Amino acid sequence: MAEGIRARSGASIGVSITGIAGPTGGTEKKPVGLVFIALADERGTQVREFRFPGNRERVRLWSTQMALEMIRRRIRAY
């Protein structure tokens, strides 16, 4: 998804977030709070897996904050 949005938009960096924010939809293999964040740029694509505790709002907040942190670290590495 991150690669696709980067290609379609012409942006330097593409970011995508997917997962199970809850309160329902979780399983034993994919529990509530399981989140994948991908970041794509000209150097490649990085995908990280996270498990955030809490309710839907907290999972969504932590997911967006971690995506921003991944962008910050990637830009800082240039």
PDB file of N, CA and C in Angstrom:
ATOM      1  N   MET A   1       0.822  -1.196   0.000  1.00  0.00           N
ATOM      2  CA  MET A   1       0.000   0.000   0.000  1.00  0.00           C
ATOM      3  C   MET A   1       0.867   1.262   0.000  1.00  0.00           C
ATOM      4  N   ALA A   2       1.939   1.255   0.805  1.00  0.00           N
ATOM      5  CA  ALA A   2       2.810   2.436   0.871  1.00  0.00           C
ATOM      6  C   ALA A   2       3.474   2.698  -0.473  1.00  0.00           C
ATOM      7  N   GLU A   3       3.908   1.638  -1.126  1.00  0.00           N
ATOM      8  CA  GLU A   3       4.522   1.786  -2.451  1.00  0.00           C
ATOM      9  C   GLU A   3       3.504   2.293  -3.466  1.00  0.00           C
ATOM     10  N   GLY A   4       2.294   1.783  -3.383  1.00  0.00           N
ATOM     11  CA  GLY A   4       1.241   2.192  -4.310  1.00  0.00           C
ATOM     12  C   GLY A   4       0.858   3.647  -4.165  1.00  0.00           C
ATOM     13  N   ILE A   5       0.681   4.113  -2.937  1.00  0.00           N
ATOM     14  CA  ILE A   5       0.312   5.518  -2.743  1.00  0.00           C
ATOM     15  C   ILE A   5       1.443   6.440  -3.160  1.00  0.00           C
ATOM     16  N   ARG A   6       2.678   6.002  -2.922  1.00  0.00           N
ATOM     17  CA  ARG A   6       3.830   6.809  -3.350  1.00  0.00           C
ATOM     18  C   ARG A   6       3.852   6.936  -4.867  1.00  0.00           C
ATOM     19  N   ALA A   7       3.626   5.821  -5.561  1.00  0.00           N
ATOM     20  CA  ALA A   7       3.649   5.831  -7.025  1.00  0.00           C
ATOM     21  C   ALA A   7       2.497   6.665  -7.593  1.00  0.00           C
ATOM     22  N   ARG A   8       1.294   6.495  -7.047  1.00  0.00           N
ATOM     23  CA  ARG A   8       0.123   7.203  -7.582  1.00  0.00           C
ATOM     24  C   ARG A   8       0.160   8.698  -7.311  1.00  0.00           C
ATOM     25  N   SER A   9       0.719   9.075  -6.166  1.00  0.00           N
ATOM     26  CA  SER A   9       0.696  10.491  -5.801  1.00  0.00           C
ATOM     27  C   SER A   9       1.938  11.250  -6.247  1.00  0.00           C
ATOM     28  N   GLY A  10       3.009  10.512  -6.565  1.00  0.00           N
ATOM     29  CA  GLY A  10       4.262  11.165  -6.917  1.00  0.00           C
ATOM     30  C   GLY A  10       5.005  11.705  -5.704  1.00  0.00           C
ATOM     31  N   ALA A  11       4.615  11.252  -4.521  1.00  0.00           N
ATOM     32  CA  ALA A  11       5.245  11.734  -3.284  1.00  0.00           C
ATOM     33  C   ALA A  11       6.615  11.093  -3.086  1.00  0.00           C
ATOM     34  N   SER A  12       7.435  11.720  -2.290  1.00  0.00           N
ATOM     35  CA  SER A  12       8.743  11.172  -1.947  1.00  0.00           C
ATOM     36  C   SER A  12       8.626   9.991  -0.999  1.00  0.00           C
ATOM     37  N   ILE A  13       7.638  10.047  -0.112  1.00  0.00           N
ATOM     38  CA  ILE A  13       7.434   9.000   0.885  1.00  0.00           C
ATOM     39  C   ILE A  13       5.966   8.591   0.879  1.00  0.00           C
ATOM     40  N   GLY A  14       5.739   7.285   0.911  1.00  0.00           N
ATOM     41  CA  GLY A  14       4.392   6.739   1.046  1.00  0.00           C
ATOM     42  C   GLY A  14       4.292   5.984   2.352  1.00  0.00           C
ATOM     43  N   VAL A  15       3.166   6.114   3.045  1.00  0.00           N
ATOM     44  CA  VAL A  15       2.965   5.449   4.330  1.00  0.00           C
ATOM     45  C   VAL A  15       1.621   4.751   4.314  1.00  0.00           C
ATOM     46  N   SER A  16       1.574   3.548   4.906  1.00  0.00           N
ATOM     47  CA  SER A  16       0.301   2.851   5.046  1.00  0.00           C
ATOM     48  C   SER A  16       0.225   2.210   6.421  1.00  0.00           C
ATOM     49  N   ILE A  17      -1.003   2.123   6.932  1.00  0.00           N
ATOM     50  CA  ILE A  17      -1.269   1.508   8.228  1.00  0.00           C
ATOM     51  C   ILE A  17      -2.432   0.549   8.049  1.00  0.00           C
ATOM     52  N   THR A  18      -2.279  -0.663   8.575  1.00  0.00           N
ATOM     53  CA  THR A  18      -3.373  -1.621   8.565  1.00  0.00           C
ATOM     54  C   THR A  18      -3.289  -2.451   9.831  1.00  0.00           C
ATOM     55  N   GLY A  19      -4.415  -2.980  10.253  1.00  0.00           N
ATOM     56  CA  GLY A  19      -4.402  -3.813  11.447  1.00  0.00           C
ATOM     57  C   GLY A  19      -5.784  -3.985  12.033  1.00  0.00           C
ATOM     58  N   ILE A  20      -5.807  -4.455  13.278  1.00  0.00           N
ATOM     59  CA  ILE A  20      -7.047  -4.719  14.000  1.00  0.00           C
ATOM     60  C   ILE A  20      -7.116  -3.742  15.176  1.00  0.00           C
ATOM     61  N   ALA A  21      -7.902  -2.688  15.028  1.00  0.00           N
ATOM     62  CA  ALA A  21      -8.001  -1.669  16.075  1.00  0.00           C
ATOM     63  C   ALA A  21      -9.030  -2.033  17.138  1.00  0.00           C
ATOM     64  N   GLY A  22      -9.945  -2.938  16.811  1.00  0.00           N
ATOM     65  CA  GLY A  22     -10.947  -3.366  17.785  1.00  0.00           C
ATOM     66  C   GLY A  22     -12.176  -2.481  17.762  1.00  0.00           C
ATOM     67  N   PRO A  23     -13.100  -2.661  18.611  1.00  0.00           N
ATOM     68  CA  PRO A  23     -13.064  -3.609  19.718  1.00  0.00           C
ATOM     69  C   PRO A  23     -13.311  -5.061  19.296  1.00  0.00           C
ATOM     70  N   THR A  24     -13.824  -5.281  18.095  1.00  0.00           N
ATOM     71  CA  THR A  24     -14.052  -6.645  17.623  1.00  0.00           C
ATOM     72  C   THR A  24     -13.146  -6.918  16.435  1.00  0.00           C
ATOM     73  N   GLY A  25     -13.198  -8.131  15.949  1.00  0.00           N
ATOM     74  CA  GLY A  25     -12.440  -8.494  14.765  1.00  0.00           C
ATOM     75  C   GLY A  25     -11.148  -9.221  15.053  1.00  0.00           C
ATOM     76  N   GLY A  26     -10.748  -9.263  16.311  1.00  0.00           N
ATOM     77  CA  GLY A  26      -9.513  -9.937  16.660  1.00  0.00           C
ATOM     78  C   GLY A  26      -9.681 -11.441  16.739  1.00  0.00           C
ATOM     79  N   THR A  27      -8.591 -12.148  16.480  1.00  0.00           N
ATOM     80  CA  THR A  27      -8.545 -13.603  16.628  1.00  0.00           C
ATOM     81  C   THR A  27      -7.297 -13.941  17.426  1.00  0.00           C
ATOM     82  N   GLU A  28      -7.096 -15.219  17.699  1.00  0.00           N
ATOM     83  CA  GLU A  28      -5.896 -15.624  18.429  1.00  0.00           C
ATOM     84  C   GLU A  28      -4.633 -15.297  17.636  1.00  0.00           C
ATOM     85  N   LYS A  29      -4.676 -15.508  16.322  1.00  0.00           N
ATOM     86  CA  LYS A  29      -3.515 -15.225  15.470  1.00  0.00           C
ATOM     87  C   LYS A  29      -3.368 -13.729  15.176  1.00  0.00           C
ATOM     88  N   LYS A  30      -4.489 -13.034  15.097  1.00  0.00           N
ATOM     89  CA  LYS A  30      -4.484 -11.599  14.807  1.00  0.00           C
ATOM     90  C   LYS A  30      -5.307 -10.879  15.874  1.00  0.00           C
ATOM     91  N   PRO A  31      -4.691 -10.620  17.023  1.00  0.00           N
ATOM     92  CA  PRO A  31      -5.446 -10.005  18.124  1.00  0.00           C
ATOM     93  C   PRO A  31      -5.693  -8.514  17.904  1.00  0.00           C
ATOM     94  N   VAL A  32      -6.657  -8.004  18.631  1.00  0.00           N
ATOM     95  CA  VAL A  32      -6.899  -6.561  18.642  1.00  0.00           C
ATOM     96  C   VAL A  32      -5.608  -5.884  19.094  1.00  0.00           C
ATOM     97  N   GLY A  33      -5.219  -4.848  18.386  1.00  0.00           N
ATOM     98  CA  GLY A  33      -3.997  -4.126  18.690  1.00  0.00           C
ATOM     99  C   GLY A  33      -2.845  -4.467  17.760  1.00  0.00           C
ATOM    100  N   LEU A  34      -3.028  -5.494  16.924  1.00  0.00           N
ATOM    101  CA  LEU A  34      -1.996  -5.853  15.946  1.00  0.00           C
ATOM    102  C   LEU A  34      -2.049  -4.858  14.792  1.00  0.00           C
ATOM    103  N   VAL A  35      -0.917  -4.199  14.540  1.00  0.00           N
ATOM    104  CA  VAL A  35      -0.855  -3.151  13.523  1.00  0.00           C
ATOM    105  C   VAL A  35       0.418  -3.324  12.699  1.00  0.00           C
ATOM    106  N   PHE A  36       0.291  -3.127  11.388  1.00  0.00           N
ATOM    107  CA  PHE A  36       1.433  -3.108  10.485  1.00  0.00           C
ATOM    108  C   PHE A  36       1.533  -1.718   9.878  1.00  0.00           C
ATOM    109  N   ILE A  37       2.739  -1.148   9.907  1.00  0.00           N
ATOM    110  CA  ILE A  37       2.987   0.165   9.324  1.00  0.00           C
ATOM    111  C   ILE A  37       4.088   0.008   8.291  1.00  0.00           C
ATOM    112  N   ALA A  38       3.840   0.516   7.078  1.00  0.00           N
ATOM    113  CA  ALA A  38       4.835   0.465   6.008  1.00  0.00           C
ATOM    114  C   ALA A  38       5.198   1.870   5.576  1.00  0.00           C
ATOM    115  N   LEU A  39       6.475   2.033   5.244  1.00  0.00           N
ATOM    116  CA  LEU A  39       6.995   3.309   4.762  1.00  0.00           C
ATOM    117  C   LEU A  39       7.830   3.007   3.525  1.00  0.00           C
ATOM    118  N   ALA A  40       7.526   3.674   2.428  1.00  0.00           N
ATOM    119  CA  ALA A  40       8.250   3.461   1.172  1.00  0.00           C
ATOM    120  C   ALA A  40       8.853   4.766   0.684  1.00  0.00           C
ATOM    121  N   ASP A  41      10.124   4.713   0.266  1.00  0.00           N
ATOM    122  CA  ASP A  41      10.778   5.846  -0.386  1.00  0.00           C
ATOM    123  C   ASP A  41      11.762   5.301  -1.413  1.00  0.00           C
ATOM    124  N   GLU A  42      12.619   6.173  -1.943  1.00  0.00           N
ATOM    125  CA  GLU A  42      13.522   5.737  -3.015  1.00  0.00           C
ATOM    126  C   GLU A  42      14.546   4.717  -2.539  1.00  0.00           C
ATOM    127  N   ARG A  43      14.735   4.604  -1.226  1.00  0.00           N
ATOM    128  CA  ARG A  43      15.691   3.630  -0.679  1.00  0.00           C
ATOM    129  C   ARG A  43      15.075   2.267  -0.419  1.00  0.00           C
ATOM    130  N   GLY A  44      13.764   2.164  -0.568  1.00  0.00           N
ATOM    131  CA  GLY A  44      13.104   0.881  -0.352  1.00  0.00           C
ATOM    132  C   GLY A  44      11.890   1.012   0.539  1.00  0.00           C
ATOM    133  N   THR A  45      11.403  -0.144   0.976  1.00  0.00           N
ATOM    134  CA  THR A  45      10.200  -0.199   1.798  1.00  0.00           C
ATOM    135  C   THR A  45      10.514  -0.866   3.126  1.00  0.00           C
ATOM    136  N   GLN A  46      10.065  -0.247   4.194  1.00  0.00           N
ATOM    137  CA  GLN A  46      10.228  -0.770   5.550  1.00  0.00           C
ATOM    138  C   GLN A  46       8.846  -1.110   6.087  1.00  0.00           C
ATOM    139  N   VAL A  47       8.692  -2.312   6.635  1.00  0.00           N
ATOM    140  CA  VAL A  47       7.426  -2.724   7.246  1.00  0.00           C
ATOM    141  C   VAL A  47       7.724  -3.137   8.675  1.00  0.00           C
ATOM    142  N   ARG A  48       6.942  -2.606   9.599  1.00  0.00           N
ATOM    143  CA  ARG A  48       7.095  -2.960  11.011  1.00  0.00           C
ATOM    144  C   ARG A  48       5.774  -3.445  11.573  1.00  0.00           C
ATOM    145  N   GLU A  49       5.867  -4.394  12.473  1.00  0.00           N
ATOM    146  CA  GLU A  49       4.705  -4.953  13.152  1.00  0.00           C
ATOM    147  C   GLU A  49       4.690  -4.464  14.595  1.00  0.00           C
ATOM    148  N   PHE A  50       3.507  -4.054  15.058  1.00  0.00           N
ATOM    149  CA  PHE A  50       3.338  -3.580  16.424  1.00  0.00           C
ATOM    150  C   PHE A  50       2.137  -4.246  17.066  1.00  0.00           C
ATOM    151  N   ARG A  51       2.143  -4.288  18.381  1.00  0.00           N
ATOM    152  CA  ARG A  51       0.984  -4.726  19.160  1.00  0.00           C
ATOM    153  C   ARG A  51       0.744  -3.657  20.222  1.00  0.00           C
ATOM    154  N   PHE A  52      -0.289  -2.861  19.986  1.00  0.00           N
ATOM    155  CA  PHE A  52      -0.607  -1.762  20.884  1.00  0.00           C
ATOM    156  C   PHE A  52      -1.759  -2.158  21.802  1.00  0.00           C
ATOM    157  N   PRO A  53      -1.605  -1.952  23.114  1.00  0.00           N
ATOM    158  CA  PRO A  53      -2.689  -2.272  24.046  1.00  0.00           C
ATOM    159  C   PRO A  53      -3.731  -1.163  24.091  1.00  0.00           C
ATOM    160  N   GLY A  54      -4.905  -1.517  24.571  1.00  0.00           N
ATOM    161  CA  GLY A  54      -5.925  -0.497  24.807  1.00  0.00           C
ATOM    162  C   GLY A  54      -7.117  -0.604  23.883  1.00  0.00           C
ATOM    163  N   ASN A  55      -7.957   0.401  23.970  1.00  0.00           N
ATOM    164  CA  ASN A  55      -9.179   0.428  23.168  1.00  0.00           C
ATOM    165  C   ASN A  55      -8.893   0.939  21.756  1.00  0.00           C
ATOM    166  N   ARG A  56      -9.929   0.979  20.939  1.00  0.00           N
ATOM    167  CA  ARG A  56      -9.801   1.368  19.532  1.00  0.00           C
ATOM    168  C   ARG A  56      -9.127   2.734  19.367  1.00  0.00           C
ATOM    169  N   GLU A  57      -9.549   3.704  20.144  1.00  0.00           N
ATOM    170  CA  GLU A  57      -8.996   5.056  20.026  1.00  0.00           C
ATOM    171  C   GLU A  57      -7.494   5.067  20.346  1.00  0.00           C
ATOM    172  N   ARG A  58      -7.113   4.310  21.362  1.00  0.00           N
ATOM    173  CA  ARG A  58      -5.696   4.267  21.735  1.00  0.00           C
ATOM    174  C   ARG A  58      -4.859   3.559  20.664  1.00  0.00           C
ATOM    175  N   VAL A  59      -5.372   2.465  20.130  1.00  0.00           N
ATOM    176  CA  VAL A  59      -4.648   1.743  19.068  1.00  0.00           C
ATOM    177  C   VAL A  59      -4.469   2.650  17.863  1.00  0.00           C
ATOM    178  N   ARG A  60      -5.504   3.375  17.494  1.00  0.00           N
ATOM    179  CA  ARG A  60      -5.410   4.276  16.347  1.00  0.00           C
ATOM    180  C   ARG A  60      -4.428   5.424  16.624  1.00  0.00           C
ATOM    181  N   LEU A  61      -4.458   5.979  17.817  1.00  0.00           N
ATOM    182  CA  LEU A  61      -3.541   7.061  18.173  1.00  0.00           C
ATOM    183  C   LEU A  61      -2.094   6.577  18.127  1.00  0.00           C
ATOM    184  N   TRP A  62      -1.805   5.472  18.782  1.00  0.00           N
ATOM    185  CA  TRP A  62      -0.445   4.943  18.796  1.00  0.00           C
ATOM    186  C   TRP A  62       0.023   4.601  17.387  1.00  0.00           C
ATOM    187  N   SER A  63      -0.873   4.087  16.557  1.00  0.00           N
ATOM    188  CA  SER A  63      -0.501   3.740  15.177  1.00  0.00           C
ATOM    189  C   SER A  63      -0.081   4.969  14.387  1.00  0.00           C
ATOM    190  N   THR A  64      -0.861   6.021  14.473  1.00  0.00           N
ATOM    191  CA  THR A  64      -0.519   7.233  13.724  1.00  0.00           C
ATOM    192  C   THR A  64       0.755   7.876  14.262  1.00  0.00           C
ATOM    193  N   GLN A  65       0.933   7.854  15.578  1.00  0.00           N
ATOM    194  CA  GLN A  65       2.135   8.440  16.159  1.00  0.00           C
ATOM    195  C   GLN A  65       3.387   7.656  15.768  1.00  0.00           C
ATOM    196  N   MET A  66       3.281   6.333  15.716  1.00  0.00           N
ATOM    197  CA  MET A  66       4.426   5.525  15.315  1.00  0.00           C
ATOM    198  C   MET A  66       4.733   5.721  13.830  1.00  0.00           C
ATOM    199  N   ALA A  67       3.705   5.885  13.007  1.00  0.00           N
ATOM    200  CA  ALA A  67       3.937   6.156  11.582  1.00  0.00           C
ATOM    201  C   ALA A  67       4.686   7.474  11.416  1.00  0.00           C
ATOM    202  N   LEU A  68       4.285   8.493  12.157  1.00  0.00           N
ATOM    203  CA  LEU A  68       4.992   9.776  12.102  1.00  0.00           C
ATOM    204  C   LEU A  68       6.424   9.646  12.589  1.00  0.00           C
ATOM    205  N   GLU A  69       6.642   8.842  13.623  1.00  0.00           N
ATOM    206  CA  GLU A  69       7.993   8.620  14.132  1.00  0.00           C
ATOM    207  C   GLU A  69       8.858   7.898  13.094  1.00  0.00           C
ATOM    208  N   MET A  70       8.279   6.944  12.381  1.00  0.00           N
ATOM    209  CA  MET A  70       9.023   6.247  11.320  1.00  0.00           C
ATOM    210  C   MET A  70       9.426   7.227  10.221  1.00  0.00           C
ATOM    211  N   ILE A  71       8.526   8.129   9.855  1.00  0.00           N
ATOM    212  CA  ILE A  71       8.839   9.148   8.846  1.00  0.00           C
ATOM    213  C   ILE A  71       9.964  10.052   9.359  1.00  0.00           C
ATOM    214  N   ARG A  72       9.847  10.496  10.598  1.00  0.00           N
ATOM    215  CA  ARG A  72      10.861  11.383  11.182  1.00  0.00           C
ATOM    216  C   ARG A  72      12.234  10.727  11.145  1.00  0.00           C
ATOM    217  N   ARG A  73      12.307   9.473  11.526  1.00  0.00           N
ATOM    218  CA  ARG A  73      13.590   8.775  11.549  1.00  0.00           C
ATOM    219  C   ARG A  73      14.150   8.575  10.137  1.00  0.00           C
ATOM    220  N   ARG A  74      13.272   8.293   9.189  1.00  0.00           N
ATOM    221  CA  ARG A  74      13.734   8.086   7.804  1.00  0.00           C
ATOM    222  C   ARG A  74      14.278   9.396   7.225  1.00  0.00           C
ATOM    223  N   ILE A  75      13.577  10.500   7.470  1.00  0.00           N
ATOM    224  CA  ILE A  75      14.032  11.800   6.968  1.00  0.00           C
ATOM    225  C   ILE A  75      15.339  12.196   7.644  1.00  0.00           C
ATOM    226  N   ARG A  76      15.446  11.945   8.907  1.00  0.00           N
ATOM    227  CA  ARG A  76      16.659  12.289   9.653  1.00  0.00           C
ATOM    228  C   ARG A  76      17.882  11.516   9.155  1.00  0.00           C
ATOM    229  N   ALA A  77      17.660  10.329   8.612  1.00  0.00           N
ATOM    230  CA  ALA A  77      18.758   9.478   8.129  1.00  0.00           C
ATOM    231  C   ALA A  77      19.322   9.944   6.799  1.00  0.00           C
ATOM    232  N   TYR A  78      18.657  10.904   6.128  1.00  0.00           N
ATOM    233  CA  TYR A  78      19.160  11.372   4.827  1.00  0.00           C
ATOM    234  C   TYR A  78      20.445  12.123   4.963  1.00  0.00           C
TER     235      TYR A  78
END
